Amino acid sequence: MLQGNFYTILNNQAETGSVNLLLELNPDHHIFEGHFPQLPVVPGVCMMQMVKELVEDFTGQRLRLAKADHLKFLTIINPRENKLLQVDIAINSRSTQGVQVTASFFHQATVFFKFKGGFVIE
């Protein structure tokens, strides 16, 4: 779990079917010692884990990634330069088996990451 040590939720505004969050990244997290010491970059796998954890928090269900229809890493996230992230998550459909989700990570006019896919309930 990355929440609480890799990132912290500073603000959370939930509406029916969507949630907007403000996250703070921890630039001193040990992941950045290896990815990469001189130029820390948030690994793509961490972004996906963050989406999973945030969707689990929003839905109250344990989930597993089932399908990634669109997965776009548009701009690197250097936690020293971009410590704050805005995250928008929308639940596009929900069933007894899982959820279909779109998510984006951005700050001001810079979009870092976009995701569209599905999670199944564990």
PDB file of N, CA and C in Angstrom:
ATOM      1  N   MET A   1       0.843  -1.181   0.000  1.00  0.00           N
ATOM      2  CA  MET A   1       0.000   0.000   0.000  1.00  0.00           C
ATOM      3  C   MET A   1       0.883   1.238   0.000  1.00  0.00           C
ATOM      4  N   LEU A   2       0.602   2.138  -0.908  1.00  0.00           N
ATOM      5  CA  LEU A   2       1.398   3.353  -1.042  1.00  0.00           C
ATOM      6  C   LEU A   2       0.834   4.523  -0.241  1.00  0.00           C
ATOM      7  N   GLN A   3      -0.483   4.494  -0.014  1.00  0.00           N
ATOM      8  CA  GLN A   3      -1.114   5.597   0.705  1.00  0.00           C
ATOM      9  C   GLN A   3      -0.560   5.697   2.117  1.00  0.00           C
ATOM     10  N   GLY A   4      -0.197   6.912   2.491  1.00  0.00           N
ATOM     11  CA  GLY A   4       0.314   7.145   3.835  1.00  0.00           C
ATOM     12  C   GLY A   4       1.818   7.248   3.903  1.00  0.00           C
ATOM     13  N   ASN A   5       2.527   6.660   2.913  1.00  0.00           N
ATOM     14  CA  ASN A   5       3.983   6.812   2.921  1.00  0.00           C
ATOM     15  C   ASN A   5       4.522   7.288   1.571  1.00  0.00           C
ATOM     16  N   PHE A   6       3.976   6.833   0.462  1.00  0.00           N
ATOM     17  CA  PHE A   6       4.394   7.316  -0.856  1.00  0.00           C
ATOM     18  C   PHE A   6       3.622   8.584  -1.222  1.00  0.00           C
ATOM     19  N   TYR A   7       2.354   8.606  -0.837  1.00  0.00           N
ATOM     20  CA  TYR A   7       1.523   9.791  -1.053  1.00  0.00           C
ATOM     21  C   TYR A   7       0.536   9.941   0.096  1.00  0.00           C
ATOM     22  N   THR A   8       0.061  11.168   0.257  1.00  0.00           N
ATOM     23  CA  THR A   8      -0.921  11.494   1.287  1.00  0.00           C
ATOM     24  C   THR A   8      -2.079  12.229   0.623  1.00  0.00           C
ATOM     25  N   ILE A   9      -3.294  11.917   1.042  1.00  0.00           N
ATOM     26  CA  ILE A   9      -4.470  12.628   0.538  1.00  0.00           C
ATOM     27  C   ILE A   9      -4.634  13.900   1.361  1.00  0.00           C
ATOM     28  N   LEU A  10      -4.565  15.054   0.691  1.00  0.00           N
ATOM     29  CA  LEU A  10      -4.738  16.337   1.370  1.00  0.00           C
ATOM     30  C   LEU A  10      -6.178  16.811   1.325  1.00  0.00           C
ATOM     31  N   ASN A  11      -6.868  16.492   0.225  1.00  0.00           N
ATOM     32  CA  ASN A  11      -8.245  16.932   0.062  1.00  0.00           C
ATOM     33  C   ASN A  11      -8.983  15.905  -0.782  1.00  0.00           C
ATOM     34  N   ASN A  12     -10.265  15.725  -0.487  1.00  0.00           N
ATOM     35  CA  ASN A  12     -11.066  14.701  -1.135  1.00  0.00           C
ATOM     36  C   ASN A  12     -12.472  15.256  -1.304  1.00  0.00           C
ATOM     37  N   GLN A  13     -12.911  15.431  -2.557  1.00  0.00           N
ATOM     38  CA  GLN A  13     -14.265  15.908  -2.823  1.00  0.00           C
ATOM     39  C   GLN A  13     -14.996  14.856  -3.647  1.00  0.00           C
ATOM     40  N   ALA A  14     -15.870  14.129  -2.983  1.00  0.00           N
ATOM     41  CA  ALA A  14     -16.605  13.055  -3.655  1.00  0.00           C
ATOM     42  C   ALA A  14     -17.995  13.536  -4.045  1.00  0.00           C
ATOM     43  N   GLU A  15     -18.407  13.114  -5.227  1.00  0.00           N
ATOM     44  CA  GLU A  15     -19.758  13.337  -5.709  1.00  0.00           C
ATOM     45  C   GLU A  15     -20.286  11.984  -6.167  1.00  0.00           C
ATOM     46  N   THR A  16     -21.510  11.936  -6.602  1.00  0.00           N
ATOM     47  CA  THR A  16     -22.062  10.684  -7.101  1.00  0.00           C
ATOM     48  C   THR A  16     -21.287  10.246  -8.337  1.00  0.00           C
ATOM     49  N   GLY A  17     -20.593   9.129  -8.229  1.00  0.00           N
ATOM     50  CA  GLY A  17     -19.879   8.568  -9.367  1.00  0.00           C
ATOM     51  C   GLY A  17     -18.512   9.144  -9.655  1.00  0.00           C
ATOM     52  N   SER A  18     -18.049  10.101  -8.856  1.00  0.00           N
ATOM     53  CA  SER A  18     -16.715  10.649  -9.114  1.00  0.00           C
ATOM     54  C   SER A  18     -16.099  11.199  -7.834  1.00  0.00           C
ATOM     55  N   VAL A  19     -14.787  11.350  -7.888  1.00  0.00           N
ATOM     56  CA  VAL A  19     -14.061  11.929  -6.756  1.00  0.00           C
ATOM     57  C   VAL A  19     -12.890  12.730  -7.313  1.00  0.00           C
ATOM     58  N   ASN A  20     -12.672  13.899  -6.727  1.00  0.00           N
ATOM     59  CA  ASN A  20     -11.532  14.754  -7.069  1.00  0.00           C
ATOM     60  C   ASN A  20     -10.664  14.838  -5.828  1.00  0.00           C
ATOM     61  N   LEU A  21      -9.374  14.589  -6.007  1.00  0.00           N
ATOM     62  CA  LEU A  21      -8.467  14.553  -4.861  1.00  0.00           C
ATOM     63  C   LEU A  21      -7.258  15.442  -5.095  1.00  0.00           C
ATOM     64  N   LEU A  22      -6.693  15.906  -3.999  1.00  0.00           N
ATOM     65  CA  LEU A  22      -5.404  16.578  -4.015  1.00  0.00           C
ATOM     66  C   LEU A  22      -4.462  15.706  -3.207  1.00  0.00           C
ATOM     67  N   LEU A  23      -3.387  15.255  -3.855  1.00  0.00           N
ATOM     68  CA  LEU A  23      -2.417  14.370  -3.216  1.00  0.00           C
ATOM     69  C   LEU A  23      -1.083  15.083  -3.065  1.00  0.00           C
ATOM     70  N   GLU A  24      -0.343  14.685  -2.034  1.00  0.00           N
ATOM     71  CA  GLU A  24       1.023  15.159  -1.858  1.00  0.00           C
ATOM     72  C   GLU A  24       1.953  13.958  -1.932  1.00  0.00           C
ATOM     73  N   LEU A  25       2.902  14.011  -2.852  1.00  0.00           N
ATOM     74  CA  LEU A  25       3.893  12.945  -2.995  1.00  0.00           C
ATOM     75  C   LEU A  25       5.010  13.136  -1.985  1.00  0.00           C
ATOM     76  N   ASN A  26       5.610  12.040  -1.554  1.00  0.00           N
ATOM     77  CA  ASN A  26       6.751  12.068  -0.641  1.00  0.00           C
ATOM     78  C   ASN A  26       8.029  11.937  -1.469  1.00  0.00           C
ATOM     79  N   PRO A  27       8.732  13.051  -1.739  1.00  0.00           N
ATOM     80  CA  PRO A  27       9.937  12.974  -2.577  1.00  0.00           C
ATOM     81  C   PRO A  27      11.093  12.229  -1.914  1.00  0.00           C
ATOM     82  N   ASP A  28      10.985  11.954  -0.611  1.00  0.00           N
ATOM     83  CA  ASP A  28      12.034  11.239   0.114  1.00  0.00           C
ATOM     84  C   ASP A  28      11.764   9.741   0.233  1.00  0.00           C
ATOM     85  N   HIS A  29      10.713   9.250  -0.421  1.00  0.00           N
ATOM     86  CA  HIS A  29      10.386   7.827  -0.350  1.00  0.00           C
ATOM     87  C   HIS A  29      11.523   6.999  -0.944  1.00  0.00           C
ATOM     88  N   HIS A  30      11.770   5.825  -0.373  1.00  0.00           N
ATOM     89  CA  HIS A  30      12.897   4.984  -0.795  1.00  0.00           C
ATOM     90  C   HIS A  30      12.807   4.516  -2.247  1.00  0.00           C
ATOM     91  N   ILE A  31      11.627   4.520  -2.849  1.00  0.00           N
ATOM     92  CA  ILE A  31      11.500   4.134  -4.261  1.00  0.00           C
ATOM     93  C   ILE A  31      12.387   5.009  -5.142  1.00  0.00           C
ATOM     94  N   PHE A  32      12.495   6.282  -4.786  1.00  0.00           N
ATOM     95  CA  PHE A  32      13.244   7.218  -5.625  1.00  0.00           C
ATOM     96  C   PHE A  32      14.754   7.058  -5.500  1.00  0.00           C
ATOM     97  N   GLU A  33      15.209   6.256  -4.548  1.00  0.00           N
ATOM     98  CA  GLU A  33      16.642   5.960  -4.458  1.00  0.00           C
ATOM     99  C   GLU A  33      17.091   5.136  -5.662  1.00  0.00           C
ATOM    100  N   GLY A  34      16.178   4.374  -6.231  1.00  0.00           N
ATOM    101  CA  GLY A  34      16.512   3.544  -7.380  1.00  0.00           C
ATOM    102  C   GLY A  34      15.830   3.984  -8.665  1.00  0.00           C
ATOM    103  N   HIS A  35      14.891   4.918  -8.563  1.00  0.00           N
ATOM    104  CA  HIS A  35      14.096   5.324  -9.750  1.00  0.00           C
ATOM    105  C   HIS A  35      13.927   6.832  -9.775  1.00  0.00           C
ATOM    106  N   PHE A  36      14.790   7.580 -10.006  1.00  0.00           N
ATOM    107  CA  PHE A  36      16.224   7.459 -10.210  1.00  0.00           C
ATOM    108  C   PHE A  36      16.880   8.445  -9.263  1.00  0.00           C
ATOM    109  N   PRO A  37      18.036   8.150  -8.687  1.00  0.00           N
ATOM    110  CA  PRO A  37      18.605   9.000  -7.637  1.00  0.00           C
ATOM    111  C   PRO A  37      18.800  10.463  -8.043  1.00  0.00           C
ATOM    112  N   GLN A  38      19.322  10.712  -9.226  1.00  0.00           N
ATOM    113  CA  GLN A  38      19.583  12.094  -9.647  1.00  0.00           C
ATOM    114  C   GLN A  38      18.349  12.783 -10.230  1.00  0.00           C
ATOM    115  N   LEU A  39      17.445  12.000 -10.771  1.00  0.00           N
ATOM    116  CA  LEU A  39      16.218  12.538 -11.360  1.00  0.00           C
ATOM    117  C   LEU A  39      15.064  11.616 -10.982  1.00  0.00           C
ATOM    118  N   PRO A  40      14.478  11.834  -9.798  1.00  0.00           N
ATOM    119  CA  PRO A  40      13.403  10.941  -9.365  1.00  0.00           C
ATOM    120  C   PRO A  40      12.183  11.047 -10.281  1.00  0.00           C
ATOM    121  N   VAL A  41      11.624   9.899 -10.606  1.00  0.00           N
ATOM    122  CA  VAL A  41      10.453   9.810 -11.466  1.00  0.00           C
ATOM    123  C   VAL A  41       9.483   8.824 -10.825  1.00  0.00           C
ATOM    124  N   VAL A  42       8.215   9.218 -10.735  1.00  0.00           N
ATOM    125  CA  VAL A  42       7.201   8.306 -10.205  1.00  0.00           C
ATOM    126  C   VAL A  42       7.024   7.164 -11.209  1.00  0.00           C
ATOM    127  N   PRO A  43       7.276   5.919 -10.797  1.00  0.00           N
ATOM    128  CA  PRO A  43       7.116   4.785 -11.709  1.00  0.00           C
ATOM    129  C   PRO A  43       5.653   4.600 -12.136  1.00  0.00           C
ATOM    130  N   GLY A  44       5.468   4.173 -13.372  1.00  0.00           N
ATOM    131  CA  GLY A  44       4.119   3.941 -13.876  1.00  0.00           C
ATOM    132  C   GLY A  44       3.341   2.939 -13.047  1.00  0.00           C
ATOM    133  N   VAL A  45       4.016   1.910 -12.554  1.00  0.00           N
ATOM    134  CA  VAL A  45       3.344   0.910 -11.723  1.00  0.00           C
ATOM    135  C   VAL A  45       2.817   1.543 -10.432  1.00  0.00           C
ATOM    136  N   CYS A  46       3.505   2.552  -9.929  1.00  0.00           N
ATOM    137  CA  CYS A  46       3.030   3.252  -8.725  1.00  0.00           C
ATOM    138  C   CYS A  46       1.785   4.077  -9.039  1.00  0.00           C
ATOM    139  N   MET A  47       1.754   4.686 -10.223  1.00  0.00           N
ATOM    140  CA  MET A  47       0.558   5.442 -10.611  1.00  0.00           C
ATOM    141  C   MET A  47      -0.652   4.516 -10.688  1.00  0.00           C
ATOM    142  N   MET A  48      -0.453   3.323 -11.265  1.00  0.00           N
ATOM    143  CA  MET A  48      -1.556   2.365 -11.347  1.00  0.00           C
ATOM    144  C   MET A  48      -1.989   1.897  -9.959  1.00  0.00           C
ATOM    145  N   GLN A  49      -1.037   1.665  -9.072  1.00  0.00           N
ATOM    146  CA  GLN A  49      -1.363   1.257  -7.707  1.00  0.00           C
ATOM    147  C   GLN A  49      -2.130   2.368  -6.992  1.00  0.00           C
ATOM    148  N   MET A  50      -1.737   3.612  -7.238  1.00  0.00           N
ATOM    149  CA  MET A  50      -2.448   4.738  -6.635  1.00  0.00           C
ATOM    150  C   MET A  50      -3.896   4.774  -7.107  1.00  0.00           C
ATOM    151  N   VAL A  51      -4.117   4.585  -8.407  1.00  0.00           N
ATOM    152  CA  VAL A  51      -5.486   4.554  -8.934  1.00  0.00           C
ATOM    153  C   VAL A  51      -6.270   3.446  -8.246  1.00  0.00           C
ATOM    154  N   LYS A  52      -5.697   2.258  -8.174  1.00  0.00           N
ATOM    155  CA  LYS A  52      -6.370   1.117  -7.537  1.00  0.00           C
ATOM    156  C   LYS A  52      -6.749   1.444  -6.094  1.00  0.00           C
ATOM    157  N   GLU A  53      -5.799   1.963  -5.323  1.00  0.00           N
ATOM    158  CA  GLU A  53      -6.067   2.279  -3.917  1.00  0.00           C
ATOM    159  C   GLU A  53      -7.144   3.352  -3.777  1.00  0.00           C
ATOM    160  N   LEU A  54      -7.094   4.377  -4.613  1.00  0.00           N
ATOM    161  CA  LEU A  54      -8.072   5.461  -4.521  1.00  0.00           C
ATOM    162  C   LEU A  54      -9.463   4.986  -4.922  1.00  0.00           C
ATOM    163  N   VAL A  55      -9.549   4.129  -5.941  1.00  0.00           N
ATOM    164  CA  VAL A  55     -10.849   3.572  -6.338  1.00  0.00           C
ATOM    165  C   VAL A  55     -11.376   2.656  -5.231  1.00  0.00           C
ATOM    166  N   GLU A  56     -10.496   1.872  -4.611  1.00  0.00           N
ATOM    167  CA  GLU A  56     -10.921   1.028  -3.482  1.00  0.00           C
ATOM    168  C   GLU A  56     -11.467   1.880  -2.340  1.00  0.00           C
ATOM    169  N   ASP A  57     -10.792   2.976  -2.024  1.00  0.00           N
ATOM    170  CA  ASP A  57     -11.280   3.874  -0.968  1.00  0.00           C
ATOM    171  C   ASP A  57     -12.653   4.429  -1.321  1.00  0.00           C
ATOM    172  N   PHE A  58     -12.814   4.836  -2.582  1.00  0.00           N
ATOM    173  CA  PHE A  58     -14.054   5.461  -3.025  1.00  0.00           C
ATOM    174  C   PHE A  58     -15.216   4.471  -3.049  1.00  0.00           C
ATOM    175  N   THR A  59     -14.950   3.234  -3.489  1.00  0.00           N
ATOM    176  CA  THR A  59     -16.023   2.240  -3.606  1.00  0.00           C
ATOM    177  C   THR A  59     -16.219   1.414  -2.338  1.00  0.00           C
ATOM    178  N   GLY A  60     -15.196   1.381  -1.485  1.00  0.00           N
ATOM    179  CA  GLY A  60     -15.271   0.557  -0.284  1.00  0.00           C
ATOM    180  C   GLY A  60     -15.110  -0.930  -0.565  1.00  0.00           C
ATOM    181  N   GLN A  61     -14.512  -1.277  -1.725  1.00  0.00           N
ATOM    182  CA  GLN A  61     -14.344  -2.680  -2.104  1.00  0.00           C
ATOM    183  C   GLN A  61     -12.889  -2.970  -2.457  1.00  0.00           C
ATOM    184  N   ARG A  62     -12.446  -4.204  -2.173  1.00  0.00           N
ATOM    185  CA  ARG A  62     -11.105  -4.640  -2.593  1.00  0.00           C
ATOM    186  C   ARG A  62     -11.179  -5.005  -4.064  1.00  0.00           C
ATOM    187  N   LEU A  63     -10.233  -4.490  -4.841  1.00  0.00           N
ATOM    188  CA  LEU A  63     -10.287  -4.646  -6.288  1.00  0.00           C
ATOM    189  C   LEU A  63      -8.981  -5.192  -6.852  1.00  0.00           C
ATOM    190  N   ARG A  64      -9.079  -5.706  -8.068  1.00  0.00           N
ATOM    191  CA  ARG A  64      -7.916  -6.162  -8.832  1.00  0.00           C
ATOM    192  C   ARG A  64      -8.083  -5.658 -10.258  1.00  0.00           C
ATOM    193  N   LEU A  65      -7.005  -5.144 -10.838  1.00  0.00           N
ATOM    194  CA  LEU A  65      -7.055  -4.665 -12.217  1.00  0.00           C
ATOM    195  C   LEU A  65      -7.386  -5.825 -13.150  1.00  0.00           C
ATOM    196  N   ALA A  66      -8.390  -5.623 -13.998  1.00  0.00           N
ATOM    197  CA  ALA A  66      -8.790  -6.659 -14.950  1.00  0.00           C
ATOM    198  C   ALA A  66      -8.461  -6.265 -16.382  1.00  0.00           C
ATOM    199  N   LYS A  67      -8.569  -4.964 -16.680  1.00  0.00           N
ATOM    200  CA  LYS A  67      -8.384  -4.529 -18.058  1.00  0.00           C
ATOM    201  C   LYS A  67      -7.975  -3.064 -18.088  1.00  0.00           C
ATOM    202  N   ALA A  68      -6.966  -2.769 -18.889  1.00  0.00           N
ATOM    203  CA  ALA A  68      -6.542  -1.386 -19.111  1.00  0.00           C
ATOM    204  C   ALA A  68      -6.777  -1.061 -20.583  1.00  0.00           C
ATOM    205  N   ASP A  69      -7.899  -0.395 -20.865  1.00  0.00           N
ATOM    206  CA  ASP A  69      -8.226  -0.038 -22.246  1.00  0.00           C
ATOM    207  C   ASP A  69      -7.289   1.050 -22.769  1.00  0.00           C
ATOM    208  N   HIS A  70      -7.068   2.064 -21.950  1.00  0.00           N
ATOM    209  CA  HIS A  70      -6.171   3.172 -22.297  1.00  0.00           C
ATOM    210  C   HIS A  70      -5.291   3.455 -21.093  1.00  0.00           C
ATOM    211  N   LEU A  71      -4.006   3.503 -21.336  1.00  0.00           N
ATOM    212  CA  LEU A  71      -3.025   3.758 -20.285  1.00  0.00           C
ATOM    213  C   LEU A  71      -1.986   4.680 -20.900  1.00  0.00           C
ATOM    214  N   LYS A  72      -2.024   5.968 -20.512  1.00  0.00           N
ATOM    215  CA  LYS A  72      -1.143   6.943 -21.153  1.00  0.00           C
ATOM    216  C   LYS A  72      -0.310   7.670 -20.104  1.00  0.00           C
ATOM    217  N   PHE A  73       1.003   7.541 -20.243  1.00  0.00           N
ATOM    218  CA  PHE A  73       1.948   8.264 -19.402  1.00  0.00           C
ATOM    219  C   PHE A  73       2.422   9.445 -20.244  1.00  0.00           C
ATOM    220  N   LEU A  74       1.883  10.625 -19.989  1.00  0.00           N
ATOM    221  CA  LEU A  74       2.080  11.770 -20.871  1.00  0.00           C
ATOM    222  C   LEU A  74       3.282  12.631 -20.504  1.00  0.00           C
ATOM    223  N   THR A  75       3.528  12.795 -19.221  1.00  0.00           N
ATOM    224  CA  THR A  75       4.630  13.630 -18.733  1.00  0.00           C
ATOM    225  C   THR A  75       5.180  12.979 -17.478  1.00  0.00           C
ATOM    226  N   ILE A  76       6.517  12.957 -17.336  1.00  0.00           N
ATOM    227  CA  ILE A  76       7.074  12.363 -16.120  1.00  0.00           C
ATOM    228  C   ILE A  76       6.678  13.204 -14.908  1.00  0.00           C
ATOM    229  N   ILE A  77       6.537  12.522 -13.780  1.00  0.00           N
ATOM    230  CA  ILE A  77       6.255  13.210 -12.518  1.00  0.00           C
ATOM    231  C   ILE A  77       7.522  13.156 -11.681  1.00  0.00           C
ATOM    232  N   ASN A  78       8.166  14.295 -11.541  1.00  0.00           N
ATOM    233  CA  ASN A  78       9.323  14.432 -10.662  1.00  0.00           C
ATOM    234  C   ASN A  78       8.786  14.946  -9.330  1.00  0.00           C
ATOM    235  N   PRO A  79       8.842  14.154  -8.260  1.00  0.00           N
ATOM    236  CA  PRO A  79       8.235  14.556  -6.995  1.00  0.00           C
ATOM    237  C   PRO A  79       8.911  15.762  -6.342  1.00  0.00           C
ATOM    238  N   ARG A  80      10.115  16.092  -6.783  1.00  0.00           N
ATOM    239  CA  ARG A  80      10.770  17.305  -6.264  1.00  0.00           C
ATOM    240  C   ARG A  80      10.183  18.556  -6.910  1.00  0.00           C
ATOM    241  N   GLU A  81       9.753  18.426  -8.161  1.00  0.00           N
ATOM    242  CA  GLU A  81       9.189  19.560  -8.891  1.00  0.00           C
ATOM    243  C   GLU A  81       7.667  19.597  -8.828  1.00  0.00           C
ATOM    244  N   ASN A  82       7.045  18.443  -8.763  1.00  0.00           N
ATOM    245  CA  ASN A  82       5.586  18.327  -8.746  1.00  0.00           C
ATOM    246  C   ASN A  82       5.155  17.512  -7.539  1.00  0.00           C
ATOM    247  N   LYS A  83       5.266  18.114  -6.384  1.00  0.00           N
ATOM    248  CA  LYS A  83       4.930  17.413  -5.142  1.00  0.00           C
ATOM    249  C   LYS A  83       3.415  17.233  -4.991  1.00  0.00           C
ATOM    250  N   LEU A  84       2.653  18.166  -5.551  1.00  0.00           N
ATOM    251  CA  LEU A  84       1.193  18.100  -5.461  1.00  0.00           C
ATOM    252  C   LEU A  84       0.606  17.564  -6.761  1.00  0.00           C
ATOM    253  N   LEU A  85      -0.345  16.667  -6.624  1.00  0.00           N
ATOM    254  CA  LEU A  85      -1.047  16.095  -7.772  1.00  0.00           C
ATOM    255  C   LEU A  85      -2.542  16.232  -7.567  1.00  0.00           C
ATOM    256  N   GLN A  86      -3.225  16.629  -8.617  1.00  0.00           N
ATOM    257  CA  GLN A  86      -4.675  16.580  -8.615  1.00  0.00           C
ATOM    258  C   GLN A  86      -5.059  15.287  -9.324  1.00  0.00           C
ATOM    259  N   VAL A  87      -6.041  14.604  -8.785  1.00  0.00           N
ATOM    260  CA  VAL A  87      -6.489  13.336  -9.356  1.00  0.00           C
ATOM    261  C   VAL A  87      -8.002  13.387  -9.516  1.00  0.00           C
ATOM    262  N   ASP A  88      -8.464  13.100 -10.713  1.00  0.00           N
ATOM    263  CA  ASP A  88      -9.895  12.970 -10.984  1.00  0.00           C
ATOM    264  C   ASP A  88     -10.175  11.517 -11.314  1.00  0.00           C
ATOM    265  N   ILE A  89     -11.161  10.958 -10.641  1.00  0.00           N
ATOM    266  CA  ILE A  89     -11.567   9.574 -10.889  1.00  0.00           C
ATOM    267  C   ILE A  89     -13.075   9.560 -11.105  1.00  0.00           C
ATOM    268  N   ALA A  90     -13.499   8.887 -12.167  1.00  0.00           N
ATOM    269  CA  ALA A  90     -14.927   8.719 -12.438  1.00  0.00           C
ATOM    270  C   ALA A  90     -15.234   7.233 -12.552  1.00  0.00           C
ATOM    271  N   ILE A  91     -16.295   6.828 -11.878  1.00  0.00           N
ATOM    272  CA  ILE A  91     -16.796   5.457 -12.004  1.00  0.00           C
ATOM    273  C   ILE A  91     -17.821   5.491 -13.134  1.00  0.00           C
ATOM    274  N   ASN A  92     -17.452   4.928 -14.278  1.00  0.00           N
ATOM    275  CA  ASN A  92     -18.319   4.992 -15.457  1.00  0.00           C
ATOM    276  C   ASN A  92     -19.442   3.971 -15.409  1.00  0.00           C
ATOM    277  N   SER A  93     -19.169   2.815 -14.834  1.00  0.00           N
ATOM    278  CA  SER A  93     -20.215   1.815 -14.625  1.00  0.00           C
ATOM    279  C   SER A  93     -19.797   0.913 -13.477  1.00  0.00           C
ATOM    280  N   ARG A  94     -20.817   0.340 -12.853  1.00  0.00           N
ATOM    281  CA  ARG A  94     -20.588  -0.497 -11.675  1.00  0.00           C
ATOM    282  C   ARG A  94     -21.509  -1.702 -11.760  1.00  0.00           C
ATOM    283  N   SER A  95     -20.972  -2.870 -11.423  1.00  0.00           N
ATOM    284  CA  SER A  95     -21.788  -4.085 -11.406  1.00  0.00           C
ATOM    285  C   SER A  95     -21.397  -4.907 -10.186  1.00  0.00           C
ATOM    286  N   THR A  96     -22.016  -6.066 -10.056  1.00  0.00           N
ATOM    287  CA  THR A  96     -21.669  -6.945  -8.936  1.00  0.00           C
ATOM    288  C   THR A  96     -20.282  -7.547  -9.115  1.00  0.00           C
ATOM    289  N   GLN A  97     -19.754  -7.499 -10.348  1.00  0.00           N
ATOM    290  CA  GLN A  97     -18.415  -8.043 -10.603  1.00  0.00           C
ATOM    291  C   GLN A  97     -17.298  -7.014 -10.455  1.00  0.00           C
ATOM    292  N   GLY A  98     -17.600  -5.728 -10.687  1.00  0.00           N
ATOM    293  CA  GLY A  98     -16.542  -4.731 -10.605  1.00  0.00           C
ATOM    294  C   GLY A  98     -16.965  -3.360 -11.085  1.00  0.00           C
ATOM    295  N   VAL A  99     -15.953  -2.551 -11.452  1.00  0.00           N
ATOM    296  CA  VAL A  99     -16.190  -1.168 -11.858  1.00  0.00           C
ATOM    297  C   VAL A  99     -15.361  -0.830 -13.096  1.00  0.00           C
ATOM    298  N   GLN A 100     -15.920   0.060 -13.911  1.00  0.00           N
ATOM    299  CA  GLN A 100     -15.204   0.653 -15.041  1.00  0.00           C
ATOM    300  C   GLN A 100     -14.851   2.082 -14.643  1.00  0.00           C
ATOM    301  N   VAL A 101     -13.593   2.462 -14.860  1.00  0.00           N
ATOM    302  CA  VAL A 101     -13.062   3.693 -14.288  1.00  0.00           C
ATOM    303  C   VAL A 101     -12.305   4.504 -15.337  1.00  0.00           C
ATOM    304  N   THR A 102     -12.388   5.822 -15.228  1.00  0.00           N
ATOM    305  CA  THR A 102     -11.436   6.703 -15.900  1.00  0.00           C
ATOM    306  C   THR A 102     -10.753   7.517 -14.811  1.00  0.00           C
ATOM    307  N   ALA A 103      -9.463   7.787 -15.011  1.00  0.00           N
ATOM    308  CA  ALA A 103      -8.698   8.543 -14.022  1.00  0.00           C
ATOM    309  C   ALA A 103      -7.657   9.394 -14.734  1.00  0.00           C
ATOM    310  N   SER A 104      -7.344  10.530 -14.139  1.00  0.00           N
ATOM    311  CA  SER A 104      -6.256  11.353 -14.665  1.00  0.00           C
ATOM    312  C   SER A 104      -5.519  12.005 -13.508  1.00  0.00           C
ATOM    313  N   PHE A 105      -4.204  12.154 -13.695  1.00  0.00           N
ATOM    314  CA  PHE A 105      -3.331  12.844 -12.748  1.00  0.00           C
ATOM    315  C   PHE A 105      -2.857  14.110 -13.442  1.00  0.00           C
ATOM    316  N   PHE A 106      -2.976  15.241 -12.775  1.00  0.00           N
ATOM    317  CA  PHE A 106      -2.554  16.497 -13.384  1.00  0.00           C
ATOM    318  C   PHE A 106      -2.216  17.509 -12.297  1.00  0.00           C
ATOM    319  N   HIS A 107      -1.605  18.597 -12.718  1.00  0.00           N
ATOM    320  CA  HIS A 107      -1.376  19.749 -11.849  1.00  0.00           C
ATOM    321  C   HIS A 107      -1.411  20.979 -12.739  1.00  0.00           C
ATOM    322  N   GLN A 108      -2.336  21.874 -12.419  1.00  0.00           N
ATOM    323  CA  GLN A 108      -2.587  23.053 -13.239  1.00  0.00           C
ATOM    324  C   GLN A 108      -2.842  22.606 -14.675  1.00  0.00           C
ATOM    325  N   ALA A 109      -2.049  23.062 -15.642  1.00  0.00           N
ATOM    326  CA  ALA A 109      -2.311  22.725 -17.045  1.00  0.00           C
ATOM    327  C   ALA A 109      -1.572  21.476 -17.518  1.00  0.00           C
ATOM    328  N   THR A 110      -0.761  20.875 -16.664  1.00  0.00           N
ATOM    329  CA  THR A 110       0.037  19.714 -17.061  1.00  0.00           C
ATOM    330  C   THR A 110      -0.675  18.413 -16.704  1.00  0.00           C
ATOM    331  N   VAL A 111      -0.956  17.603 -17.714  1.00  0.00           N
ATOM    332  CA  VAL A 111      -1.550  16.281 -17.497  1.00  0.00           C
ATOM    333  C   VAL A 111      -0.412  15.265 -17.536  1.00  0.00           C
ATOM    334  N   PHE A 112      -0.315  14.454 -16.471  1.00  0.00           N
ATOM    335  CA  PHE A 112       0.766  13.484 -16.354  1.00  0.00           C
ATOM    336  C   PHE A 112       0.368  12.084 -16.821  1.00  0.00           C
ATOM    337  N   PHE A 113      -0.878  11.706 -16.543  1.00  0.00           N
ATOM    338  CA  PHE A 113      -1.267  10.304 -16.681  1.00  0.00           C
ATOM    339  C   PHE A 113      -2.767  10.220 -16.908  1.00  0.00           C
ATOM    340  N   LYS A 114      -3.174   9.315 -17.813  1.00  0.00           N
ATOM    341  CA  LYS A 114      -4.595   9.044 -18.041  1.00  0.00           C
ATOM    342  C   LYS A 114      -4.805   7.534 -18.066  1.00  0.00           C
ATOM    343  N   PHE A 115      -5.922   7.122 -17.505  1.00  0.00           N
ATOM    344  CA  PHE A 115      -6.250   5.697 -17.443  1.00  0.00           C
ATOM    345  C   PHE A 115      -7.732   5.506 -17.706  1.00  0.00           C
ATOM    346  N   LYS A 116      -8.041   4.457 -18.452  1.00  0.00           N
ATOM    347  CA  LYS A 116      -9.418   4.003 -18.615  1.00  0.00           C
ATOM    348  C   LYS A 116      -9.367   2.491 -18.593  1.00  0.00           C
ATOM    349  N   GLY A 117     -10.137   1.888 -17.695  1.00  0.00           N
ATOM    350  CA  GLY A 117     -10.113   0.437 -17.604  1.00  0.00           C
ATOM    351  C   GLY A 117     -11.065  -0.086 -16.558  1.00  0.00           C
ATOM    352  N   GLY A 118     -10.893  -1.364 -16.245  1.00  0.00           N
ATOM    353  CA  GLY A 118     -11.808  -2.018 -15.327  1.00  0.00           C
ATOM    354  C   GLY A 118     -11.108  -2.763 -14.214  1.00  0.00           C
ATOM    355  N   PHE A 119     -11.772  -2.792 -13.081  1.00  0.00           N
ATOM    356  CA  PHE A 119     -11.317  -3.538 -11.912  1.00  0.00           C
ATOM    357  C   PHE A 119     -12.402  -4.529 -11.537  1.00  0.00           C
ATOM    358  N   VAL A 120     -11.993  -5.715 -11.102  1.00  0.00           N
ATOM    359  CA  VAL A 120     -12.948  -6.707 -10.607  1.00  0.00           C
ATOM    360  C   VAL A 120     -12.853  -6.769  -9.087  1.00  0.00           C
ATOM    361  N   ILE A 121     -13.961  -7.130  -8.477  1.00  0.00           N
ATOM    362  CA  ILE A 121     -14.013  -7.246  -7.020  1.00  0.00           C
ATOM    363  C   ILE A 121     -13.318  -8.532  -6.599  1.00  0.00           C
ATOM    364  N   GLU A 122     -12.463  -8.435  -5.602  1.00  0.00           N
ATOM    365  CA  GLU A 122     -11.765  -9.624  -5.079  1.00  0.00           C
ATOM    366  C   GLU A 122     -12.584 -10.280  -3.996  1.00  0.00           C
TER     367      GLU A 122
END
